[in-house]
Amino acid sequence: MDGAITDADRVSVGNPQPTYWGGITNTFTWHGFDLRGFVQYSGGNKIFDAMRLFADDGGYAYDNKFIDVLRRWQKPGDVTDEPRASFDGTSGARQISSRWLESGSYVRIQEITLGYKLPARLTRNTGMNNARVFVSGHNLHTFTGYHGYNPDVNSNGSSSSLGLGTDFYAYPLARTFQVGISSEW
């Protein structure tokens, strides 16, 4: 408690490695219909949200800002966790700290597929066997408290362990839909 911030003041504030992860999948069938779902989950890790270095920096950089800056400190008596604005960087808003760490926990609806096996009498002359029409959606929704695009992130690529748990404008996952016919020929 000497008032000076030194290396002795450093503490571990989080781990980018999740403490639990997994998924649940199941398929239900009924009278030619099938419904398959896959839910993925992960949690217990922290993400360094490096996007906020520019988007929540007190106005130092000219990037677009997050809505959180509307809660910034503005006058004596204000109680907030958001530093005051300062275009010269003197407010400390852009200083690296645990303020940039967020929970990486999430539950994602990874896939839902609805299919219907066509009756053999409809496909008899087409050469298709066990024909099935389907509609499928992937990355449908992620339930998370994380403010970035995707809590399952590594901005340095999947082969890098140095930047694990770092989100620096990483691309979000695409939500995709498919409609098709599958069969044995």
N, C-alpha and C. Protein backbone atom coordinates (compact mmCIF):
# COMPACT_ATOMS: atom_id res chain seq x y z
N MET A 1 0.82 -1.20 0.00
CA MET A 1 0.00 0.00 0.00
C MET A 1 0.86 1.26 0.00
N ASP A 2 1.86 1.27 -0.90
CA ASP A 2 2.76 2.41 -0.96
C ASP A 2 2.29 3.48 -1.95
N GLY A 3 1.18 3.21 -2.64
CA GLY A 3 0.64 4.17 -3.58
C GLY A 3 1.23 4.09 -4.97
N ALA A 4 2.29 3.33 -5.15
CA ALA A 4 2.94 3.17 -6.46
C ALA A 4 2.52 1.83 -7.06
N ILE A 5 2.22 1.83 -8.35
CA ILE A 5 1.87 0.60 -9.04
C ILE A 5 3.14 0.02 -9.65
N THR A 6 3.52 -1.19 -9.16
CA THR A 6 4.74 -1.86 -9.62
C THR A 6 4.41 -3.30 -9.98
N ASP A 7 5.42 -4.06 -10.40
CA ASP A 7 5.23 -5.48 -10.72
C ASP A 7 4.72 -6.26 -9.51
N ALA A 8 5.02 -5.82 -8.33
CA ALA A 8 4.57 -6.52 -7.12
C ALA A 8 3.06 -6.44 -6.94
N ASP A 9 2.42 -5.51 -7.63
CA ASP A 9 0.97 -5.35 -7.54
C ASP A 9 0.21 -6.26 -8.49
N ARG A 10 0.92 -6.97 -9.36
CA ARG A 10 0.26 -7.84 -10.35
C ARG A 10 -0.36 -9.05 -9.69
N VAL A 11 -1.55 -9.41 -10.18
CA VAL A 11 -2.25 -10.61 -9.71
C VAL A 11 -2.88 -11.29 -10.93
N SER A 12 -3.10 -12.58 -10.82
CA SER A 12 -3.79 -13.32 -11.87
C SER A 12 -5.28 -13.02 -11.78
N VAL A 13 -5.87 -12.58 -12.88
CA VAL A 13 -7.29 -12.21 -12.86
C VAL A 13 -8.16 -13.08 -13.77
N GLY A 14 -7.58 -14.09 -14.38
CA GLY A 14 -8.39 -14.94 -15.22
C GLY A 14 -7.55 -15.87 -16.06
N ASN A 15 -8.22 -16.85 -16.64
CA ASN A 15 -7.57 -17.86 -17.45
C ASN A 15 -8.33 -17.97 -18.77
N PRO A 16 -7.65 -17.97 -19.92
CA PRO A 16 -8.36 -18.09 -21.19
C PRO A 16 -8.87 -19.51 -21.46
N GLN A 17 -8.38 -20.49 -20.69
CA GLN A 17 -8.80 -21.88 -20.88
C GLN A 17 -10.13 -22.13 -20.16
N PRO A 18 -11.13 -22.64 -20.86
CA PRO A 18 -12.39 -22.95 -20.19
C PRO A 18 -12.20 -24.09 -19.17
N THR A 19 -12.95 -24.04 -18.08
CA THR A 19 -12.89 -25.11 -17.09
C THR A 19 -13.87 -26.23 -17.43
N TYR A 20 -14.85 -25.94 -18.28
CA TYR A 20 -15.77 -26.97 -18.76
C TYR A 20 -16.24 -26.60 -20.16
N TRP A 21 -16.55 -27.62 -20.95
CA TRP A 21 -17.04 -27.42 -22.31
C TRP A 21 -17.65 -28.72 -22.78
N GLY A 22 -18.46 -28.64 -23.80
CA GLY A 22 -19.05 -29.85 -24.34
C GLY A 22 -20.22 -29.53 -25.24
N GLY A 23 -21.03 -30.55 -25.46
CA GLY A 23 -22.20 -30.39 -26.31
C GLY A 23 -23.20 -31.49 -26.06
N ILE A 24 -24.41 -31.23 -26.46
CA ILE A 24 -25.49 -32.20 -26.33
C ILE A 24 -26.17 -32.28 -27.69
N THR A 25 -26.36 -33.49 -28.16
CA THR A 25 -27.04 -33.68 -29.43
C THR A 25 -28.08 -34.79 -29.28
N ASN A 26 -29.13 -34.70 -30.06
CA ASN A 26 -30.17 -35.72 -30.04
C ASN A 26 -30.95 -35.66 -31.34
N THR A 27 -31.54 -36.78 -31.70
CA THR A 27 -32.39 -36.86 -32.89
C THR A 27 -33.70 -37.53 -32.49
N PHE A 28 -34.78 -36.90 -32.86
CA PHE A 28 -36.12 -37.44 -32.62
C PHE A 28 -36.72 -37.80 -33.97
N THR A 29 -37.40 -38.95 -34.04
CA THR A 29 -38.06 -39.36 -35.28
C THR A 29 -39.52 -39.69 -34.99
N TRP A 30 -40.36 -39.42 -36.00
CA TRP A 30 -41.79 -39.70 -35.85
C TRP A 30 -42.44 -39.70 -37.23
N HIS A 31 -42.95 -40.83 -37.66
CA HIS A 31 -43.71 -40.97 -38.91
C HIS A 31 -43.00 -40.34 -40.11
N GLY A 32 -41.74 -40.63 -40.30
CA GLY A 32 -40.99 -40.12 -41.45
C GLY A 32 -40.30 -38.79 -41.20
N PHE A 33 -40.65 -38.12 -40.13
CA PHE A 33 -39.99 -36.85 -39.79
C PHE A 33 -38.82 -37.12 -38.85
N ASP A 34 -37.79 -36.30 -38.96
CA ASP A 34 -36.69 -36.36 -38.00
C ASP A 34 -36.29 -34.93 -37.62
N LEU A 35 -35.98 -34.76 -36.36
CA LEU A 35 -35.55 -33.47 -35.84
C LEU A 35 -34.26 -33.70 -35.07
N ARG A 36 -33.21 -33.04 -35.53
CA ARG A 36 -31.90 -33.18 -34.88
C ARG A 36 -31.48 -31.82 -34.34
N GLY A 37 -30.91 -31.83 -33.15
CA GLY A 37 -30.42 -30.59 -32.55
C GLY A 37 -29.07 -30.81 -31.91
N PHE A 38 -28.25 -29.76 -31.91
CA PHE A 38 -26.95 -29.80 -31.27
C PHE A 38 -26.76 -28.48 -30.52
N VAL A 39 -26.50 -28.58 -29.21
CA VAL A 39 -26.24 -27.42 -28.36
C VAL A 39 -24.82 -27.55 -27.84
N GLN A 40 -24.05 -26.49 -27.98
CA GLN A 40 -22.64 -26.46 -27.56
C GLN A 40 -22.53 -25.49 -26.38
N TYR A 41 -21.64 -25.80 -25.43
CA TYR A 41 -21.46 -24.91 -24.28
C TYR A 41 -19.99 -24.88 -23.86
N SER A 42 -19.64 -23.80 -23.18
CA SER A 42 -18.29 -23.63 -22.67
C SER A 42 -18.35 -22.58 -21.55
N GLY A 43 -17.45 -22.71 -20.59
CA GLY A 43 -17.47 -21.71 -19.53
C GLY A 43 -16.28 -21.80 -18.59
N GLY A 44 -16.21 -20.82 -17.71
CA GLY A 44 -15.15 -20.75 -16.72
C GLY A 44 -13.90 -20.03 -17.19
N ASN A 45 -13.94 -19.45 -18.38
CA ASN A 45 -12.77 -18.76 -18.92
C ASN A 45 -13.02 -17.26 -18.99
N LYS A 46 -11.94 -16.52 -19.20
CA LYS A 46 -12.01 -15.07 -19.38
C LYS A 46 -11.53 -14.70 -20.77
N ILE A 47 -12.11 -13.64 -21.32
CA ILE A 47 -11.73 -13.13 -22.63
C ILE A 47 -11.21 -11.71 -22.46
N PHE A 48 -10.06 -11.44 -23.06
CA PHE A 48 -9.53 -10.07 -23.09
C PHE A 48 -10.15 -9.39 -24.30
N ASP A 49 -11.08 -8.47 -24.07
CA ASP A 49 -11.81 -7.81 -25.14
C ASP A 49 -11.01 -6.61 -25.64
N ALA A 50 -10.07 -6.88 -26.53
CA ALA A 50 -9.17 -5.85 -27.03
C ALA A 50 -9.87 -4.86 -27.96
N MET A 51 -11.06 -5.19 -28.45
CA MET A 51 -11.82 -4.22 -29.25
C MET A 51 -12.11 -2.97 -28.42
N ARG A 52 -12.33 -3.18 -27.12
CA ARG A 52 -12.67 -2.07 -26.25
C ARG A 52 -11.50 -1.11 -26.04
N LEU A 53 -10.27 -1.53 -26.36
CA LEU A 53 -9.14 -0.60 -26.29
C LEU A 53 -9.36 0.61 -27.19
N PHE A 54 -10.14 0.44 -28.24
CA PHE A 54 -10.41 1.52 -29.18
C PHE A 54 -11.85 2.01 -29.09
N ALA A 55 -12.78 1.11 -28.77
CA ALA A 55 -14.20 1.46 -28.77
C ALA A 55 -14.70 1.93 -27.40
N ASP A 56 -13.84 1.86 -26.38
CA ASP A 56 -14.24 2.28 -25.04
C ASP A 56 -13.04 2.93 -24.35
N ASP A 57 -12.35 3.80 -25.08
CA ASP A 57 -11.08 4.36 -24.61
C ASP A 57 -11.20 5.81 -24.14
N GLY A 58 -12.39 6.26 -23.84
CA GLY A 58 -12.57 7.63 -23.38
C GLY A 58 -12.51 8.67 -24.48
N GLY A 59 -12.55 8.23 -25.73
CA GLY A 59 -12.52 9.16 -26.85
C GLY A 59 -11.14 9.41 -27.42
N TYR A 60 -10.14 8.66 -26.97
CA TYR A 60 -8.77 8.87 -27.43
C TYR A 60 -8.61 8.53 -28.91
N ALA A 61 -9.09 7.35 -29.33
CA ALA A 61 -9.02 6.96 -30.74
C ALA A 61 -10.32 7.38 -31.43
N TYR A 62 -10.26 7.49 -32.73
CA TYR A 62 -11.42 7.95 -33.48
C TYR A 62 -12.32 6.81 -33.95
N ASP A 63 -12.16 5.61 -33.40
CA ASP A 63 -13.04 4.48 -33.74
C ASP A 63 -14.45 4.76 -33.23
N ASN A 64 -15.41 4.02 -33.74
CA ASN A 64 -16.76 4.09 -33.20
C ASN A 64 -16.73 3.66 -31.75
N LYS A 65 -17.62 4.19 -30.95
CA LYS A 65 -17.64 3.90 -29.52
C LYS A 65 -18.84 3.04 -29.17
N PHE A 66 -18.68 2.26 -28.09
CA PHE A 66 -19.77 1.44 -27.59
C PHE A 66 -20.72 2.32 -26.78
N ILE A 67 -21.93 1.84 -26.60
CA ILE A 67 -22.95 2.58 -25.86
C ILE A 67 -22.56 2.77 -24.39
N ASP A 68 -21.66 1.94 -23.89
CA ASP A 68 -21.22 2.04 -22.49
C ASP A 68 -20.65 3.42 -22.17
N VAL A 69 -20.07 4.11 -23.15
CA VAL A 69 -19.46 5.40 -22.89
C VAL A 69 -20.49 6.45 -22.46
N LEU A 70 -21.76 6.19 -22.69
CA LEU A 70 -22.79 7.13 -22.23
C LEU A 70 -22.90 7.11 -20.71
N ARG A 71 -22.37 6.07 -20.06
CA ARG A 71 -22.38 5.98 -18.58
C ARG A 71 -21.11 6.57 -17.98
N ARG A 72 -20.28 7.22 -18.77
CA ARG A 72 -18.97 7.70 -18.31
C ARG A 72 -19.11 8.71 -17.18
N TRP A 73 -18.02 8.84 -16.43
CA TRP A 73 -17.95 9.85 -15.38
C TRP A 73 -17.96 11.23 -16.05
N GLN A 74 -18.81 12.14 -15.55
CA GLN A 74 -18.91 13.47 -16.15
C GLN A 74 -18.72 14.61 -15.15
N LYS A 75 -19.11 14.37 -13.88
CA LYS A 75 -19.01 15.45 -12.90
C LYS A 75 -18.84 14.87 -11.51
N PRO A 76 -18.31 15.64 -10.58
CA PRO A 76 -18.17 15.14 -9.21
C PRO A 76 -19.50 14.63 -8.67
N GLY A 77 -19.44 13.48 -8.01
CA GLY A 77 -20.65 12.84 -7.48
C GLY A 77 -21.16 11.70 -8.35
N ASP A 78 -20.71 11.65 -9.61
CA ASP A 78 -21.11 10.54 -10.49
C ASP A 78 -20.49 9.25 -9.98
N VAL A 79 -21.28 8.19 -9.93
CA VAL A 79 -20.79 6.87 -9.54
C VAL A 79 -20.94 5.97 -10.75
N THR A 80 -19.81 5.52 -11.30
CA THR A 80 -19.83 4.71 -12.52
C THR A 80 -18.53 3.91 -12.62
N ASP A 81 -18.56 2.88 -13.43
CA ASP A 81 -17.34 2.11 -13.69
C ASP A 81 -16.72 2.52 -15.03
N GLU A 82 -17.27 3.54 -15.66
CA GLU A 82 -16.81 4.01 -16.96
C GLU A 82 -16.02 5.31 -16.78
N PRO A 83 -14.71 5.34 -17.14
CA PRO A 83 -13.89 6.54 -16.94
C PRO A 83 -14.40 7.74 -17.73
N ARG A 84 -13.95 8.91 -17.33
CA ARG A 84 -14.34 10.14 -18.02
C ARG A 84 -13.72 10.18 -19.42
N ALA A 85 -14.30 10.97 -20.27
CA ALA A 85 -13.77 11.16 -21.62
C ALA A 85 -12.55 12.08 -21.55
N SER A 86 -11.54 11.76 -22.35
CA SER A 86 -10.37 12.63 -22.46
C SER A 86 -9.69 12.35 -23.79
N PHE A 87 -9.73 13.31 -24.68
CA PHE A 87 -9.15 13.12 -26.00
C PHE A 87 -7.63 13.02 -25.96
N ASP A 88 -7.02 13.46 -24.85
CA ASP A 88 -5.57 13.38 -24.73
C ASP A 88 -5.11 12.12 -23.98
N GLY A 89 -6.06 11.27 -23.54
CA GLY A 89 -5.73 10.00 -22.90
C GLY A 89 -5.38 10.11 -21.43
N THR A 90 -5.58 11.26 -20.81
CA THR A 90 -5.19 11.43 -19.40
C THR A 90 -6.17 10.84 -18.40
N SER A 91 -7.33 10.40 -18.84
CA SER A 91 -8.31 9.83 -17.89
C SER A 91 -7.96 8.40 -17.50
N GLY A 92 -7.06 7.77 -18.22
CA GLY A 92 -6.72 6.37 -17.94
C GLY A 92 -7.68 5.38 -18.56
N ALA A 93 -8.64 5.85 -19.34
CA ALA A 93 -9.65 4.97 -19.93
C ALA A 93 -9.05 3.94 -20.88
N ARG A 94 -7.92 4.27 -21.49
CA ARG A 94 -7.33 3.35 -22.45
C ARG A 94 -6.21 2.50 -21.85
N GLN A 95 -6.01 2.59 -20.55
CA GLN A 95 -4.97 1.83 -19.88
C GLN A 95 -5.39 0.36 -19.76
N ILE A 96 -4.48 -0.56 -20.09
CA ILE A 96 -4.76 -2.00 -20.00
C ILE A 96 -5.01 -2.36 -18.53
N SER A 97 -6.13 -3.02 -18.29
CA SER A 97 -6.46 -3.44 -16.93
C SER A 97 -7.48 -4.57 -16.98
N SER A 98 -7.89 -5.05 -15.84
CA SER A 98 -8.90 -6.10 -15.77
C SER A 98 -10.26 -5.60 -16.22
N ARG A 99 -10.39 -4.32 -16.45
CA ARG A 99 -11.64 -3.76 -16.99
C ARG A 99 -11.98 -4.36 -18.35
N TRP A 100 -10.97 -4.81 -19.06
CA TRP A 100 -11.16 -5.37 -20.41
C TRP A 100 -11.46 -6.87 -20.39
N LEU A 101 -11.46 -7.51 -19.21
CA LEU A 101 -11.75 -8.94 -19.10
C LEU A 101 -13.24 -9.17 -18.93
N GLU A 102 -13.74 -10.17 -19.66
CA GLU A 102 -15.15 -10.54 -19.57
C GLU A 102 -15.26 -12.05 -19.50
N SER A 103 -16.36 -12.50 -18.98
CA SER A 103 -16.63 -13.93 -18.93
C SER A 103 -16.79 -14.47 -20.34
N GLY A 104 -16.18 -15.62 -20.61
CA GLY A 104 -16.30 -16.25 -21.92
C GLY A 104 -17.33 -17.37 -21.95
N SER A 105 -18.14 -17.49 -20.92
CA SER A 105 -19.13 -18.56 -20.85
C SER A 105 -20.24 -18.34 -21.88
N TYR A 106 -20.69 -19.43 -22.47
CA TYR A 106 -21.79 -19.34 -23.44
C TYR A 106 -22.48 -20.68 -23.61
N VAL A 107 -23.69 -20.62 -24.15
CA VAL A 107 -24.43 -21.78 -24.64
C VAL A 107 -24.89 -21.39 -26.04
N ARG A 108 -24.60 -22.24 -27.03
CA ARG A 108 -24.92 -21.92 -28.42
C ARG A 108 -25.82 -23.00 -29.02
N ILE A 109 -26.88 -22.57 -29.68
CA ILE A 109 -27.68 -23.49 -30.50
C ILE A 109 -26.92 -23.62 -31.81
N GLN A 110 -26.13 -24.68 -31.90
CA GLN A 110 -25.20 -24.86 -33.02
C GLN A 110 -25.92 -25.36 -34.27
N GLU A 111 -26.90 -26.24 -34.08
CA GLU A 111 -27.59 -26.79 -35.27
C GLU A 111 -28.98 -27.27 -34.91
N ILE A 112 -29.92 -27.01 -35.81
CA ILE A 112 -31.24 -27.62 -35.77
C ILE A 112 -31.56 -28.02 -37.21
N THR A 113 -31.91 -29.29 -37.39
CA THR A 113 -32.26 -29.81 -38.71
C THR A 113 -33.59 -30.53 -38.63
N LEU A 114 -34.50 -30.17 -39.51
CA LEU A 114 -35.79 -30.85 -39.63
C LEU A 114 -35.82 -31.53 -40.99
N GLY A 115 -36.09 -32.83 -41.00
CA GLY A 115 -36.12 -33.58 -42.25
C GLY A 115 -37.37 -34.43 -42.37
N TYR A 116 -37.65 -34.84 -43.60
CA TYR A 116 -38.78 -35.73 -43.86
C TYR A 116 -38.36 -36.74 -44.91
N LYS A 117 -38.50 -38.03 -44.59
CA LYS A 117 -38.17 -39.10 -45.53
C LYS A 117 -39.35 -39.27 -46.47
N LEU A 118 -39.08 -39.05 -47.76
CA LEU A 118 -40.15 -39.15 -48.77
C LEU A 118 -40.59 -40.60 -48.95
N PRO A 119 -41.87 -40.83 -49.11
CA PRO A 119 -42.35 -42.20 -49.36
C PRO A 119 -41.75 -42.76 -50.66
N ALA A 120 -41.46 -44.04 -50.65
CA ALA A 120 -40.82 -44.70 -51.81
C ALA A 120 -41.67 -44.55 -53.07
N ARG A 121 -42.98 -44.50 -52.93
CA ARG A 121 -43.85 -44.37 -54.11
C ARG A 121 -43.64 -43.04 -54.84
N LEU A 122 -43.17 -42.02 -54.13
CA LEU A 122 -42.92 -40.72 -54.77
C LEU A 122 -41.58 -40.67 -55.51
N THR A 123 -40.65 -41.51 -55.11
CA THR A 123 -39.30 -41.45 -55.70
C THR A 123 -38.98 -42.68 -56.54
N ARG A 124 -39.93 -43.55 -56.74
CA ARG A 124 -39.73 -44.83 -57.44
C ARG A 124 -39.10 -44.64 -58.81
N ASN A 125 -39.54 -43.70 -59.59
CA ASN A 125 -39.06 -43.53 -60.97
C ASN A 125 -37.88 -42.56 -61.09
N THR A 126 -37.38 -42.07 -59.98
CA THR A 126 -36.30 -41.08 -60.02
C THR A 126 -34.92 -41.70 -59.82
N GLY A 127 -34.86 -42.94 -59.37
CA GLY A 127 -33.59 -43.57 -59.07
C GLY A 127 -33.08 -43.27 -57.67
N MET A 128 -33.83 -42.51 -56.92
CA MET A 128 -33.42 -42.17 -55.55
C MET A 128 -33.96 -43.21 -54.58
N ASN A 129 -33.12 -43.61 -53.62
CA ASN A 129 -33.55 -44.50 -52.54
C ASN A 129 -33.39 -43.76 -51.22
N ASN A 130 -34.33 -43.95 -50.31
CA ASN A 130 -34.29 -43.29 -49.01
C ASN A 130 -34.13 -41.77 -49.14
N ALA A 131 -34.89 -41.18 -50.05
CA ALA A 131 -34.81 -39.73 -50.27
C ALA A 131 -35.38 -38.98 -49.07
N ARG A 132 -34.72 -37.90 -48.75
CA ARG A 132 -35.11 -37.11 -47.58
C ARG A 132 -34.94 -35.63 -47.92
N VAL A 133 -35.95 -34.83 -47.65
CA VAL A 133 -35.85 -33.39 -47.79
C VAL A 133 -35.58 -32.82 -46.40
N PHE A 134 -34.82 -31.73 -46.35
CA PHE A 134 -34.48 -31.18 -45.03
C PHE A 134 -34.27 -29.68 -45.11
N VAL A 135 -34.38 -29.05 -43.96
CA VAL A 135 -34.01 -27.66 -43.76
C VAL A 135 -33.16 -27.63 -42.49
N SER A 136 -32.07 -26.87 -42.54
CA SER A 136 -31.12 -26.90 -41.45
C SER A 136 -30.59 -25.49 -41.17
N GLY A 137 -30.38 -25.18 -39.91
CA GLY A 137 -29.79 -23.91 -39.52
C GLY A 137 -28.60 -24.15 -38.62
N HIS A 138 -27.54 -23.36 -38.78
CA HIS A 138 -26.31 -23.50 -37.99
C HIS A 138 -25.96 -22.16 -37.35
N ASN A 139 -25.39 -22.22 -36.14
CA ASN A 139 -25.05 -21.02 -35.36
C ASN A 139 -26.26 -20.12 -35.20
N LEU A 140 -27.35 -20.70 -34.74
CA LEU A 140 -28.62 -19.98 -34.69
C LEU A 140 -28.67 -18.91 -33.60
N HIS A 141 -28.14 -19.21 -32.42
CA HIS A 141 -28.14 -18.20 -31.36
C HIS A 141 -27.12 -18.57 -30.29
N THR A 142 -26.46 -17.57 -29.74
CA THR A 142 -25.51 -17.77 -28.65
C THR A 142 -25.99 -16.99 -27.44
N PHE A 143 -26.19 -17.70 -26.34
CA PHE A 143 -26.59 -17.08 -25.08
C PHE A 143 -25.31 -16.81 -24.28
N THR A 144 -25.02 -15.53 -24.02
CA THR A 144 -23.79 -15.16 -23.34
C THR A 144 -23.93 -13.75 -22.78
N GLY A 145 -23.10 -13.44 -21.82
CA GLY A 145 -23.01 -12.09 -21.31
C GLY A 145 -21.89 -11.31 -21.96
N TYR A 146 -21.12 -11.96 -22.84
CA TYR A 146 -19.98 -11.34 -23.51
C TYR A 146 -20.47 -10.25 -24.47
N HIS A 147 -19.80 -9.11 -24.49
CA HIS A 147 -20.21 -7.98 -25.31
C HIS A 147 -19.68 -8.03 -26.74
N GLY A 148 -18.67 -8.84 -27.01
CA GLY A 148 -18.10 -8.91 -28.35
C GLY A 148 -18.97 -9.75 -29.29
N TYR A 149 -18.41 -10.04 -30.47
CA TYR A 149 -19.16 -10.78 -31.49
C TYR A 149 -19.32 -12.25 -31.15
N ASN A 150 -18.27 -12.86 -30.58
CA ASN A 150 -18.28 -14.31 -30.39
C ASN A 150 -17.41 -14.67 -29.19
N PRO A 151 -17.99 -15.30 -28.16
CA PRO A 151 -17.18 -15.65 -27.00
C PRO A 151 -16.23 -16.83 -27.24
N ASP A 152 -16.40 -17.55 -28.33
CA ASP A 152 -15.53 -18.67 -28.68
C ASP A 152 -14.48 -18.13 -29.64
N VAL A 153 -13.50 -17.37 -29.10
CA VAL A 153 -12.66 -16.55 -29.94
C VAL A 153 -11.17 -16.79 -29.68
N ASN A 154 -10.38 -16.62 -30.72
CA ASN A 154 -8.93 -16.55 -30.64
C ASN A 154 -8.49 -15.73 -31.84
N SER A 155 -8.24 -14.46 -31.64
CA SER A 155 -7.94 -13.55 -32.76
C SER A 155 -6.67 -13.91 -33.51
N ASN A 156 -5.78 -14.69 -32.92
CA ASN A 156 -4.53 -15.05 -33.59
C ASN A 156 -4.62 -16.36 -34.35
N GLY A 157 -5.79 -16.93 -34.48
CA GLY A 157 -5.95 -18.17 -35.22
C GLY A 157 -5.97 -19.38 -34.31
N SER A 158 -6.55 -20.45 -34.79
CA SER A 158 -6.76 -21.64 -33.96
C SER A 158 -5.46 -22.34 -33.59
N SER A 159 -4.38 -22.09 -34.32
CA SER A 159 -3.12 -22.77 -34.00
C SER A 159 -2.26 -21.98 -33.01
N SER A 160 -2.73 -20.80 -32.61
CA SER A 160 -1.95 -19.96 -31.70
C SER A 160 -2.47 -20.09 -30.28
N SER A 161 -1.57 -20.42 -29.36
CA SER A 161 -1.96 -20.45 -27.96
C SER A 161 -1.54 -19.16 -27.25
N LEU A 162 -0.76 -18.31 -27.92
CA LEU A 162 -0.29 -17.07 -27.31
C LEU A 162 -1.42 -16.06 -27.15
N GLY A 163 -2.33 -16.02 -28.09
CA GLY A 163 -3.42 -15.04 -28.05
C GLY A 163 -4.74 -15.66 -27.68
N LEU A 164 -4.72 -16.85 -27.13
CA LEU A 164 -5.96 -17.52 -26.77
C LEU A 164 -6.78 -16.64 -25.83
N GLY A 165 -8.06 -16.53 -26.11
CA GLY A 165 -8.93 -15.73 -25.28
C GLY A 165 -8.80 -14.24 -25.52
N THR A 166 -8.21 -13.86 -26.65
CA THR A 166 -8.09 -12.45 -27.00
C THR A 166 -9.00 -12.15 -28.18
N ASP A 167 -9.83 -11.15 -28.04
CA ASP A 167 -10.74 -10.75 -29.12
C ASP A 167 -10.31 -9.38 -29.61
N PHE A 168 -9.68 -9.34 -30.76
CA PHE A 168 -9.32 -8.08 -31.38
C PHE A 168 -10.00 -8.00 -32.73
N TYR A 169 -11.24 -7.60 -32.73
CA TYR A 169 -12.07 -7.50 -33.92
C TYR A 169 -12.12 -8.83 -34.70
N ALA A 170 -12.19 -9.93 -33.96
CA ALA A 170 -12.31 -11.25 -34.61
C ALA A 170 -13.66 -11.33 -35.32
N TYR A 171 -13.65 -11.99 -36.46
CA TYR A 171 -14.86 -12.09 -37.26
C TYR A 171 -15.91 -12.93 -36.54
N PRO A 172 -17.16 -12.53 -36.55
CA PRO A 172 -18.21 -13.34 -35.91
C PRO A 172 -18.53 -14.58 -36.74
N LEU A 173 -19.11 -15.58 -36.09
CA LEU A 173 -19.54 -16.78 -36.80
C LEU A 173 -20.75 -16.45 -37.68
N ALA A 174 -20.79 -17.03 -38.85
CA ALA A 174 -21.92 -16.81 -39.76
C ALA A 174 -23.09 -17.70 -39.35
N ARG A 175 -24.28 -17.14 -39.40
CA ARG A 175 -25.50 -17.92 -39.22
C ARG A 175 -25.89 -18.39 -40.62
N THR A 176 -26.01 -19.70 -40.81
CA THR A 176 -26.29 -20.24 -42.14
C THR A 176 -27.53 -21.12 -42.12
N PHE A 177 -28.18 -21.21 -43.28
CA PHE A 177 -29.36 -22.05 -43.46
C PHE A 177 -29.16 -22.86 -44.74
N GLN A 178 -29.66 -24.09 -44.70
CA GLN A 178 -29.59 -24.97 -45.86
C GLN A 178 -30.95 -25.61 -46.09
N VAL A 179 -31.28 -25.81 -47.34
CA VAL A 179 -32.46 -26.57 -47.74
C VAL A 179 -31.96 -27.55 -48.78
N GLY A 180 -32.34 -28.82 -48.68
CA GLY A 180 -31.83 -29.77 -49.64
C GLY A 180 -32.56 -31.09 -49.66
N ILE A 181 -32.07 -31.95 -50.53
CA ILE A 181 -32.57 -33.32 -50.67
C ILE A 181 -31.36 -34.23 -50.59
N SER A 182 -31.43 -35.25 -49.77
CA SER A 182 -30.37 -36.24 -49.70
C SER A 182 -30.98 -37.60 -50.05
N SER A 183 -30.17 -38.44 -50.68
CA SER A 183 -30.66 -39.78 -51.04
C SER A 183 -29.49 -40.70 -51.36
N GLU A 184 -29.81 -41.94 -51.50
CA GLU A 184 -28.84 -42.94 -51.97
C GLU A 184 -29.16 -43.18 -53.43
N TRP A 185 -28.15 -43.16 -54.27
CA TRP A 185 -28.38 -43.35 -55.71
C TRP A 185 -28.05 -44.74 -56.13
